[in-house]
Amino acid sequence: MIKLLKTGALIALLSTLAVTQSATAGVSEGQELYRSYCVVCHGDLGQGQTMGKPLTDNNANRLSDAELIDVISNGRAGTGMAAWGSSLTEQDLLDIAGFVRVLQGGVGLTEVNENAVADDDPAVLAGALVFNGSAGCIDCHSYADQGGNIGPELDGVAARLGDAGLLEALLDPSAAVDPGFGVKIVTQTDGSQIKGRYRYDSEFAVQIMSDDGKRWVTYFKERVESVEDSEESLMPQVYARLSGQEQEDLLAFLRSL
């Protein structure tokens, strides 16, 4: 079974890709990517500029390889640091991080977490990258105590649903919504709508999970226009947009949980 540490998909990413590369692999590619995406904010030598912090100070140097890639991939809330994970490939992220290490006086990425992946099935490893990366499943679902809580936990999901049920859940998320993950739509007096998982609905109020899955928000019914049930799952139609190989790999990963 694949196990994630606190840095989630990035630990798995380092384990599956960096373990077979030398410490300097991808640095020249990283330099080109850095020039294209990072120089405008962080400067040509990582010295920092008005729009971006230095990449060579003590704070940046203290980041582990996984934490560095996490910042590049997911951005940093409350700052101008953009999230590049949806625009760049996993290899691109590694290459840029490797070049940042060179700017810091190192020789590229050196961290390898040998305990992050205990399953050496290539399809499962590839599926983990899809789950944690391009498909973004980890943002809403969890396994091995890591991930989001907007959607159900996925430990043992294949055993619970069987192959047919698992495929149906991927292809038609609204066909069967798990208990406790029902959806409400709150229409506010200005016409705007909030749609999300709810856990409490009374005569007076409804509680809906925030978009980031970190807190429950209470809406008092006398202060909104309406509160309605939704038959549609919050899960997007991601699976249908994956390539055939990505679909096979993701299924292999989910079966391994």
C-alpha atoms as a PDB file:
ATOM      1  CA  MET A   1       0.000   0.000   0.000  1.00  0.00           C
ATOM      2  CA  ILE A   2       1.174   3.519  -0.734  1.00  0.00           C
ATOM      3  CA  LYS A   3       1.552   5.675   2.343  1.00  0.00           C
ATOM      4  CA  LEU A   4       1.839   9.459   2.346  1.00  0.00           C
ATOM      5  CA  LEU A   5       3.624  11.660   4.821  1.00  0.00           C
ATOM      6  CA  LYS A   6       2.398  15.170   5.597  1.00  0.00           C
ATOM      7  CA  THR A   7       3.575  16.542   2.280  1.00  0.00           C
ATOM      8  CA  GLY A   8       1.215  14.179   0.461  1.00  0.00           C
ATOM      9  CA  ALA A   9       1.673  13.666  -3.231  1.00  0.00           C
ATOM     10  CA  LEU A  10       4.962  15.520  -3.291  1.00  0.00           C
ATOM     11  CA  ILE A  11       6.654  12.912  -1.107  1.00  0.00           C
ATOM     12  CA  ALA A  12       5.417  10.190  -3.452  1.00  0.00           C
ATOM     13  CA  LEU A  13       6.570  12.290  -6.384  1.00  0.00           C
ATOM     14  CA  LEU A  14      10.073  12.604  -4.972  1.00  0.00           C
ATOM     15  CA  SER A  15      10.204   8.902  -4.197  1.00  0.00           C
ATOM     16  CA  THR A  16       9.128   7.684  -7.610  1.00  0.00           C
ATOM     17  CA  LEU A  17      11.083  10.147  -9.713  1.00  0.00           C
ATOM     18  CA  ALA A  18      14.069  11.384  -7.744  1.00  0.00           C
ATOM     19  CA  VAL A  19      15.205   7.977  -6.552  1.00  0.00           C
ATOM     20  CA  THR A  20      16.421   7.046 -10.029  1.00  0.00           C
ATOM     21  CA  GLN A  21      18.001  10.394 -10.840  1.00  0.00           C
ATOM     22  CA  SER A  22      21.311  11.915  -9.855  1.00  0.00           C
ATOM     23  CA  ALA A  23      21.223  15.017  -7.690  1.00  0.00           C
ATOM     24  CA  THR A  24      21.917  17.279 -10.683  1.00  0.00           C
ATOM     25  CA  ALA A  25      19.333  15.743 -13.045  1.00  0.00           C
ATOM     26  CA  GLY A  26      17.039  18.272 -14.683  1.00  0.00           C
ATOM     27  CA  VAL A  27      18.931  21.357 -13.508  1.00  0.00           C
ATOM     28  CA  SER A  28      19.469  22.793 -17.007  1.00  0.00           C
ATOM     29  CA  GLU A  29      15.810  22.188 -17.819  1.00  0.00           C
ATOM     30  CA  GLY A  30      14.939  23.784 -14.502  1.00  0.00           C
ATOM     31  CA  GLN A  31      16.953  26.856 -15.410  1.00  0.00           C
ATOM     32  CA  GLU A  32      14.946  27.338 -18.605  1.00  0.00           C
ATOM     33  CA  LEU A  33      11.660  26.857 -16.764  1.00  0.00           C
ATOM     34  CA  TYR A  34      12.791  29.223 -14.014  1.00  0.00           C
ATOM     35  CA  ARG A  35      13.566  31.893 -16.598  1.00  0.00           C
ATOM     36  CA  SER A  36      10.121  31.443 -18.130  1.00  0.00           C
ATOM     37  CA  TYR A  37       8.020  31.383 -14.967  1.00  0.00           C
ATOM     38  CA  CYS A  38       9.963  32.637 -11.951  1.00  0.00           C
ATOM     39  CA  VAL A  39      12.444  35.366 -12.902  1.00  0.00           C
ATOM     40  CA  VAL A  40       9.836  38.121 -13.120  1.00  0.00           C
ATOM     41  CA  CYS A  41       9.037  37.778  -9.406  1.00  0.00           C
ATOM     42  CA  HIS A  42      12.134  36.254  -7.835  1.00  0.00           C
ATOM     43  CA  GLY A  43      14.971  37.674  -9.933  1.00  0.00           C
ATOM     44  CA  ASP A  44      17.506  35.940 -12.170  1.00  0.00           C
ATOM     45  CA  LEU A  45      19.582  34.755  -9.197  1.00  0.00           C
ATOM     46  CA  GLY A  46      16.732  34.196  -6.763  1.00  0.00           C
ATOM     47  CA  GLN A  47      17.575  37.409  -4.969  1.00  0.00           C
ATOM     48  CA  GLY A  48      13.948  38.461  -4.756  1.00  0.00           C
ATOM     49  CA  GLN A  49      12.173  41.470  -6.211  1.00  0.00           C
ATOM     50  CA  THR A  50       9.180  43.654  -5.427  1.00  0.00           C
ATOM     51  CA  MET A  51       6.744  40.925  -6.447  1.00  0.00           C
ATOM     52  CA  GLY A  52       8.541  37.928  -4.948  1.00  0.00           C
ATOM     53  CA  LYS A  53      10.565  36.953  -1.882  1.00  0.00           C
ATOM     54  CA  PRO A  54      14.208  35.837  -2.046  1.00  0.00           C
ATOM     55  CA  LEU A  55      14.787  32.170  -2.745  1.00  0.00           C
ATOM     56  CA  THR A  56      18.268  32.153  -1.274  1.00  0.00           C
ATOM     57  CA  ASP A  57      17.629  33.391   2.268  1.00  0.00           C
ATOM     58  CA  ASN A  58      17.569  31.251   5.404  1.00  0.00           C
ATOM     59  CA  ASN A  59      13.809  30.681   5.278  1.00  0.00           C
ATOM     60  CA  ALA A  60      13.950  29.299   1.756  1.00  0.00           C
ATOM     61  CA  ASN A  61      17.077  27.258   2.458  1.00  0.00           C
ATOM     62  CA  ARG A  62      15.401  25.572   5.422  1.00  0.00           C
ATOM     63  CA  LEU A  63      12.613  24.138   3.270  1.00  0.00           C
ATOM     64  CA  SER A  64      12.923  20.417   2.603  1.00  0.00           C
ATOM     65  CA  ASP A  65      12.845  19.302  -1.022  1.00  0.00           C
ATOM     66  CA  ALA A  66       9.234  18.202  -0.622  1.00  0.00           C
ATOM     67  CA  GLU A  67       8.230  21.488   1.008  1.00  0.00           C
ATOM     68  CA  LEU A  68       9.934  23.439  -1.765  1.00  0.00           C
ATOM     69  CA  ILE A  69       8.034  21.530  -4.441  1.00  0.00           C
ATOM     70  CA  ASP A  70       4.830  21.980  -2.452  1.00  0.00           C
ATOM     71  CA  VAL A  71       5.225  25.768  -2.560  1.00  0.00           C
ATOM     72  CA  ILE A  72       5.902  25.720  -6.306  1.00  0.00           C
ATOM     73  CA  SER A  73       2.992  23.383  -6.964  1.00  0.00           C
ATOM     74  CA  ASN A  74       0.338  24.767  -4.611  1.00  0.00           C
ATOM     75  CA  GLY A  75       1.429  28.354  -4.085  1.00  0.00           C
ATOM     76  CA  ARG A  76       1.321  30.032  -0.705  1.00  0.00           C
ATOM     77  CA  ALA A  77      -1.898  31.475   0.701  1.00  0.00           C
ATOM     78  CA  GLY A  78      -1.825  35.155   1.610  1.00  0.00           C
ATOM     79  CA  THR A  79       1.080  35.933  -0.709  1.00  0.00           C
ATOM     80  CA  GLY A  80       1.521  36.557  -4.398  1.00  0.00           C
ATOM     81  CA  MET A  81       3.007  33.093  -4.923  1.00  0.00           C
ATOM     82  CA  ALA A  82       0.943  31.398  -7.616  1.00  0.00           C
ATOM     83  CA  ALA A  83       0.182  27.670  -7.746  1.00  0.00           C
ATOM     84  CA  TRP A  84       1.876  26.101 -10.756  1.00  0.00           C
ATOM     85  CA  GLY A  85       0.816  22.498 -10.210  1.00  0.00           C
ATOM     86  CA  SER A  86      -1.991  22.660 -12.763  1.00  0.00           C
ATOM     87  CA  SER A  87       0.194  24.318 -15.424  1.00  0.00           C
ATOM     88  CA  LEU A  88       3.417  22.326 -15.110  1.00  0.00           C
ATOM     89  CA  THR A  89       4.149  18.615 -15.197  1.00  0.00           C
ATOM     90  CA  GLU A  90       5.508  16.685 -12.237  1.00  0.00           C
ATOM     91  CA  GLN A  91       8.901  16.588 -13.942  1.00  0.00           C
ATOM     92  CA  ASP A  92       8.804  20.354 -14.523  1.00  0.00           C
ATOM     93  CA  LEU A  93       8.205  20.903 -10.808  1.00  0.00           C
ATOM     94  CA  LEU A  94      11.198  18.736  -9.955  1.00  0.00           C
ATOM     95  CA  ASP A  95      13.374  20.544 -12.484  1.00  0.00           C
ATOM     96  CA  ILE A  96      12.501  24.011 -11.168  1.00  0.00           C
ATOM     97  CA  ALA A  97      13.034  22.921  -7.569  1.00  0.00           C
ATOM     98  CA  GLY A  98      16.394  21.443  -8.553  1.00  0.00           C
ATOM     99  CA  PHE A  99      17.496  24.719 -10.110  1.00  0.00           C
ATOM    100  CA  VAL A 100      16.392  26.665  -7.012  1.00  0.00           C
ATOM    101  CA  ARG A 101      18.671  24.395  -4.989  1.00  0.00           C
ATOM    102  CA  VAL A 102      21.532  25.357  -7.307  1.00  0.00           C
ATOM    103  CA  LEU A 103      20.760  29.050  -6.753  1.00  0.00           C
ATOM    104  CA  GLN A 104      20.978  28.296  -3.021  1.00  0.00           C
ATOM    105  CA  GLY A 105      24.466  26.878  -3.474  1.00  0.00           C
ATOM    106  CA  GLY A 106      23.518  23.199  -3.682  1.00  0.00           C
ATOM    107  CA  VAL A 107      23.687  20.670  -6.499  1.00  0.00           C
ATOM    108  CA  GLY A 108      19.988  20.052  -7.123  1.00  0.00           C
ATOM    109  CA  LEU A 109      17.460  17.893  -5.354  1.00  0.00           C
ATOM    110  CA  THR A 110      19.016  15.428  -2.942  1.00  0.00           C
ATOM    111  CA  GLU A 111      16.114  14.302  -0.753  1.00  0.00           C
ATOM    112  CA  VAL A 112      14.782  10.805  -1.336  1.00  0.00           C
ATOM    113  CA  ASN A 113      12.158   9.391   0.981  1.00  0.00           C
ATOM    114  CA  GLU A 114      12.471   5.635   0.685  1.00  0.00           C
ATOM    115  CA  ASN A 115       9.583   4.992   3.062  1.00  0.00           C
ATOM    116  CA  ALA A 116       6.944   6.941   1.157  1.00  0.00           C
ATOM    117  CA  VAL A 117       6.190   4.171  -1.316  1.00  0.00           C
ATOM    118  CA  ALA A 118       5.968   0.566  -0.290  1.00  0.00           C
ATOM    119  CA  ASP A 119       4.242  -0.688  -3.424  1.00  0.00           C
ATOM    120  CA  ASP A 120       6.542  -1.112  -6.425  1.00  0.00           C
ATOM    121  CA  ASP A 121       3.790  -1.878  -8.973  1.00  0.00           C
ATOM    122  CA  PRO A 122       4.438   0.689 -11.747  1.00  0.00           C
ATOM    123  CA  ALA A 123       0.708   1.104 -12.456  1.00  0.00           C
ATOM    124  CA  VAL A 124      -0.015   1.785  -8.786  1.00  0.00           C
ATOM    125  CA  LEU A 125       2.832   4.290  -8.561  1.00  0.00           C
ATOM    126  CA  ALA A 126       1.635   6.022 -11.729  1.00  0.00           C
ATOM    127  CA  GLY A 127      -1.919   6.006 -10.403  1.00  0.00           C
ATOM    128  CA  ALA A 128      -0.760   7.652  -7.180  1.00  0.00           C
ATOM    129  CA  LEU A 129       0.689  10.513  -9.212  1.00  0.00           C
ATOM    130  CA  VAL A 130      -2.601  10.889 -11.081  1.00  0.00           C
ATOM    131  CA  PHE A 131      -4.600  10.799  -7.822  1.00  0.00           C
ATOM    132  CA  ASN A 132      -2.335  13.273  -6.055  1.00  0.00           C
ATOM    133  CA  GLY A 133      -1.444  15.360  -9.071  1.00  0.00           C
ATOM    134  CA  SER A 134      -3.256  15.867 -12.364  1.00  0.00           C
ATOM    135  CA  ALA A 135      -6.654  14.551 -11.212  1.00  0.00           C
ATOM    136  CA  GLY A 136      -6.511  16.431  -7.910  1.00  0.00           C
ATOM    137  CA  CYS A 137      -8.424  13.721  -6.011  1.00  0.00           C
ATOM    138  CA  ILE A 138      -6.331  14.285  -2.878  1.00  0.00           C
ATOM    139  CA  ASP A 139      -7.872  17.752  -2.469  1.00  0.00           C
ATOM    140  CA  CYS A 140     -11.246  16.230  -1.542  1.00  0.00           C
ATOM    141  CA  HIS A 141     -10.557  12.599  -0.606  1.00  0.00           C
ATOM    142  CA  SER A 142      -8.220  11.053   1.929  1.00  0.00           C
ATOM    143  CA  TYR A 143      -6.356   7.785   2.417  1.00  0.00           C
ATOM    144  CA  ALA A 144      -3.769   6.749   4.981  1.00  0.00           C
ATOM    145  CA  ASP A 145      -4.890   9.724   7.109  1.00  0.00           C
ATOM    146  CA  GLN A 146      -3.845  12.245   4.461  1.00  0.00           C
ATOM    147  CA  GLY A 147      -5.909  14.405   2.134  1.00  0.00           C
ATOM    148  CA  GLY A 148      -9.152  16.356   2.134  1.00  0.00           C
ATOM    149  CA  ASN A 149     -12.470  15.622   3.812  1.00  0.00           C
ATOM    150  CA  ILE A 150     -14.959  17.061   1.350  1.00  0.00           C
ATOM    151  CA  GLY A 151     -15.411  13.556  -0.082  1.00  0.00           C
ATOM    152  CA  PRO A 152     -15.403  10.096   1.562  1.00  0.00           C
ATOM    153  CA  GLU A 153     -12.240   8.399   2.820  1.00  0.00           C
ATOM    154  CA  LEU A 154     -10.931   5.940   0.246  1.00  0.00           C
ATOM    155  CA  ASP A 155      -9.120   3.388   2.393  1.00  0.00           C
ATOM    156  CA  GLY A 156     -10.582   0.031   1.341  1.00  0.00           C
ATOM    157  CA  VAL A 157     -12.798   1.641  -1.304  1.00  0.00           C
ATOM    158  CA  ALA A 158     -12.345  -1.174  -3.840  1.00  0.00           C
ATOM    159  CA  ALA A 159     -13.313  -3.802  -1.279  1.00  0.00           C
ATOM    160  CA  ARG A 160     -16.413  -1.814  -0.300  1.00  0.00           C
ATOM    161  CA  LEU A 161     -17.658  -1.053  -3.794  1.00  0.00           C
ATOM    162  CA  GLY A 162     -16.234  -3.803  -5.979  1.00  0.00           C
ATOM    163  CA  ASP A 163     -14.935  -3.068  -9.473  1.00  0.00           C
ATOM    164  CA  ALA A 164     -18.361  -2.235 -10.908  1.00  0.00           C
ATOM    165  CA  GLY A 165     -19.248   0.129  -8.079  1.00  0.00           C
ATOM    166  CA  LEU A 166     -15.839   1.782  -8.181  1.00  0.00           C
ATOM    167  CA  LEU A 167     -16.110   2.422 -11.911  1.00  0.00           C
ATOM    168  CA  GLU A 168     -19.644   3.784 -11.522  1.00  0.00           C
ATOM    169  CA  ALA A 169     -18.466   6.169  -8.796  1.00  0.00           C
ATOM    170  CA  LEU A 170     -15.759   7.473 -11.123  1.00  0.00           C
ATOM    171  CA  LEU A 171     -17.925   7.760 -14.219  1.00  0.00           C
ATOM    172  CA  ASP A 172     -21.140   8.976 -12.566  1.00  0.00           C
ATOM    173  CA  PRO A 173     -20.407  10.476  -9.136  1.00  0.00           C
ATOM    174  CA  SER A 174     -24.038  11.473  -8.612  1.00  0.00           C
ATOM    175  CA  ALA A 175     -25.384   7.926  -9.085  1.00  0.00           C
ATOM    176  CA  ALA A 176     -24.936   7.114  -5.391  1.00  0.00           C
ATOM    177  CA  VAL A 177     -23.858   9.729  -2.850  1.00  0.00           C
ATOM    178  CA  ASP A 178     -22.456   8.292   0.385  1.00  0.00           C
ATOM    179  CA  PRO A 179     -24.386   9.000   3.609  1.00  0.00           C
ATOM    180  CA  GLY A 180     -22.996  12.085   5.294  1.00  0.00           C
ATOM    181  CA  PHE A 181     -21.889  13.612   2.010  1.00  0.00           C
ATOM    182  CA  GLY A 182     -25.196  15.009   0.797  1.00  0.00           C
ATOM    183  CA  VAL A 183     -25.220  18.442  -0.822  1.00  0.00           C
ATOM    184  CA  LYS A 184     -27.259  21.556  -0.064  1.00  0.00           C
ATOM    185  CA  ILE A 185     -27.596  24.728  -2.133  1.00  0.00           C
ATOM    186  CA  VAL A 186     -27.999  27.997  -0.257  1.00  0.00           C
ATOM    187  CA  THR A 187     -29.268  30.936  -2.309  1.00  0.00           C
ATOM    188  CA  GLN A 188     -28.458  34.224  -0.618  1.00  0.00           C
ATOM    189  CA  THR A 189     -30.503  37.416  -0.808  1.00  0.00           C
ATOM    190  CA  ASP A 190     -28.183  38.871  -3.461  1.00  0.00           C
ATOM    191  CA  GLY A 191     -28.787  35.841  -5.687  1.00  0.00           C
ATOM    192  CA  SER A 192     -25.386  34.231  -5.117  1.00  0.00           C
ATOM    193  CA  GLN A 193     -25.312  30.534  -4.293  1.00  0.00           C
ATOM    194  CA  ILE A 194     -23.256  28.349  -1.986  1.00  0.00           C
ATOM    195  CA  LYS A 195     -23.169  24.658  -2.783  1.00  0.00           C
ATOM    196  CA  GLY A 196     -21.499  22.185  -0.505  1.00  0.00           C
ATOM    197  CA  ARG A 197     -21.530  19.155   1.741  1.00  0.00           C
ATOM    198  CA  TYR A 198     -23.759  19.648   4.764  1.00  0.00           C
ATOM    199  CA  ARG A 199     -23.810  18.042   8.180  1.00  0.00           C
ATOM    200  CA  TYR A 200     -26.674  19.809   9.934  1.00  0.00           C
ATOM    201  CA  ASP A 201     -30.066  21.011   8.733  1.00  0.00           C
ATOM    202  CA  SER A 202     -32.769  22.260  11.104  1.00  0.00           C
ATOM    203  CA  GLU A 203     -35.781  24.501  10.945  1.00  0.00           C
ATOM    204  CA  PHE A 204     -33.535  27.486  11.593  1.00  0.00           C
ATOM    205  CA  ALA A 205     -30.119  26.851  10.060  1.00  0.00           C
ATOM    206  CA  VAL A 206     -27.931  24.666   7.864  1.00  0.00           C
ATOM    207  CA  GLN A 207     -24.188  24.019   8.157  1.00  0.00           C
ATOM    208  CA  ILE A 208     -22.170  23.628   4.977  1.00  0.00           C
ATOM    209  CA  MET A 209     -18.496  22.804   4.618  1.00  0.00           C
ATOM    210  CA  SER A 210     -16.296  25.568   3.237  1.00  0.00           C
ATOM    211  CA  ASP A 211     -14.751  25.185  -0.212  1.00  0.00           C
ATOM    212  CA  ASP A 212     -11.358  24.395   1.281  1.00  0.00           C
ATOM    213  CA  GLY A 213     -12.857  21.635   3.450  1.00  0.00           C
ATOM    214  CA  LYS A 214     -11.447  23.112   6.664  1.00  0.00           C
ATOM    215  CA  ARG A 215     -14.500  24.442   8.488  1.00  0.00           C
ATOM    216  CA  TRP A 216     -18.271  24.329   8.735  1.00  0.00           C
ATOM    217  CA  VAL A 217     -20.193  27.527   7.926  1.00  0.00           C
ATOM    218  CA  THR A 218     -23.646  28.182   9.414  1.00  0.00           C
ATOM    219  CA  TYR A 219     -26.367  29.817   7.315  1.00  0.00           C
ATOM    220  CA  PHE A 220     -29.500  30.989   9.111  1.00  0.00           C
ATOM    221  CA  LYS A 221     -32.558  30.326   6.981  1.00  0.00           C
ATOM    222  CA  GLU A 222     -34.306  33.592   7.838  1.00  0.00           C
ATOM    223  CA  ARG A 223     -31.296  35.458   6.440  1.00  0.00           C
ATOM    224  CA  VAL A 224     -31.084  33.678   3.079  1.00  0.00           C
ATOM    225  CA  GLU A 225     -33.436  33.341   0.134  1.00  0.00           C
ATOM    226  CA  SER A 226     -33.676  29.550   0.123  1.00  0.00           C
ATOM    227  CA  VAL A 227     -32.030  26.266   1.103  1.00  0.00           C
ATOM    228  CA  GLU A 228     -32.479  23.322  -1.250  1.00  0.00           C
ATOM    229  CA  ASP A 229     -31.280  19.740  -1.565  1.00  0.00           C
ATOM    230  CA  SER A 230     -29.054  18.903  -4.519  1.00  0.00           C
ATOM    231  CA  GLU A 231     -29.039  15.497  -6.149  1.00  0.00           C
ATOM    232  CA  GLU A 232     -25.670  16.174  -7.759  1.00  0.00           C
ATOM    233  CA  SER A 233     -22.420  15.105  -6.151  1.00  0.00           C
ATOM    234  CA  LEU A 234     -19.699  17.696  -5.587  1.00  0.00           C
ATOM    235  CA  MET A 235     -17.254  15.383  -7.321  1.00  0.00           C
ATOM    236  CA  PRO A 236     -16.328  16.756 -10.770  1.00  0.00           C
ATOM    237  CA  GLN A 237     -16.228  14.618 -13.899  1.00  0.00           C
ATOM    238  CA  VAL A 238     -12.461  14.272 -13.761  1.00  0.00           C
ATOM    239  CA  TYR A 239     -12.171  10.583 -14.649  1.00  0.00           C
ATOM    240  CA  ALA A 240     -13.770  10.990 -18.077  1.00  0.00           C
ATOM    241  CA  ARG A 241     -11.220  13.663 -18.966  1.00  0.00           C
ATOM    242  CA  LEU A 242      -8.205  11.477 -18.202  1.00  0.00           C
ATOM    243  CA  SER A 243      -6.390   9.549 -20.886  1.00  0.00           C
ATOM    244  CA  GLY A 244      -7.005   5.822 -21.155  1.00  0.00           C
ATOM    245  CA  GLN A 245      -3.665   5.061 -19.510  1.00  0.00           C
ATOM    246  CA  GLU A 246      -4.312   7.511 -16.674  1.00  0.00           C
ATOM    247  CA  GLN A 247      -7.696   5.886 -16.063  1.00  0.00           C
ATOM    248  CA  GLU A 248      -6.107   2.426 -15.837  1.00  0.00           C
ATOM    249  CA  ASP A 249      -3.391   3.686 -13.494  1.00  0.00           C
ATOM    250  CA  LEU A 250      -5.871   5.488 -11.251  1.00  0.00           C
ATOM    251  CA  LEU A 251      -7.993   2.340 -10.987  1.00  0.00           C
ATOM    252  CA  ALA A 252      -4.899   0.313 -10.094  1.00  0.00           C
ATOM    253  CA  PHE A 253      -4.068   2.772  -7.340  1.00  0.00           C
ATOM    254  CA  LEU A 254      -7.599   2.820  -5.902  1.00  0.00           C
ATOM    255  CA  ARG A 255      -7.662  -1.001  -5.883  1.00  0.00           C
ATOM    256  CA  SER A 256      -4.440  -0.957  -3.858  1.00  0.00           C
ATOM    257  CA  LEU A 257      -5.900   1.102  -1.000  1.00  0.00           C
END
